[in-house]
Amino acid sequence: MKFAVIVFPGSNCDIDMYHAVKDELGAEVSYVWHHETSLDGFDGILLPGGFSYGDYLRSGAIARFSPIMDAVIKAAEEGKPVLGVCNGFQVLLEAGLLPGAMRRNENLKFICRPVELVVENNETIFSEGYEKGEEITVPVAHGEGNYYCDPETLEALTENNQIVFKYKENINGSVERIAGIINKEGNVLGMMPHPERAVDELLGSNDGLTLFKSILSHWRERNAITS
């Protein structure tokens, strides 16, 4: 399985994402610059955190129009796993691949620390390695992580089991403590916490590595690779 790490001007977690996949997961991975127009040859797409285009207008609003985003949307439509973390999540929201919007944290302060998450849905390609209800520790680093959606969208997310992760305690004002959601088709996940920064005990937690292992395991099963 080969992953693509999308790099926008202002991305700053691309190296962390690359390290998590290559050195901790042991899979193939390459950087793909924002002006590229094809993701052919890649099996998984990763949008890292950071401040794409300086977060001008609002987070992810300009990155959404980068040339590479047409290829990201195409990959999503083809059923490839697409993971957006932090700013990557914001880009996916702006691109319409996930519902809702992101607002400034409720206390208007940047939050950077490990937080406890609860696995709400372990029946996705991103979370099947966890137990339902499992509590995991993954760091956050954001000023605009206050997820919002209208009541109708929240009802749909709940009915379709699209809420994958919730904060154990609501750290930023997010609706229903939502930390990560998936699209209805189940192959696009956006989450504000950083699993790529929780892939080794030396980092304080390796709980995030399970997410990447889940993607790889699912891909191997689907492609009948047993070793």
Foldseek 3Di string as FASTA:
>chain_A
DEEEEEDAVFFDCSVLLCCLCCVQVNHHYDYDYQQDQADPPHQEYEYGDGQHVNQPPHQLQVSLPGNNNVNVVVSVVVVGAYEYEASGLQNCCNNVVDDFHWAFFPVQDWDWDKFKKFFCDQPALQRVLDDHRDIFIFIATDGTQATDDDPVVVVVQVVLVFQGMATPDQGGNHDVRGAKGADSSRRYIYGRTDLSQACDVVSVHNVSSSRVVSNVVVVCVVVVNDD
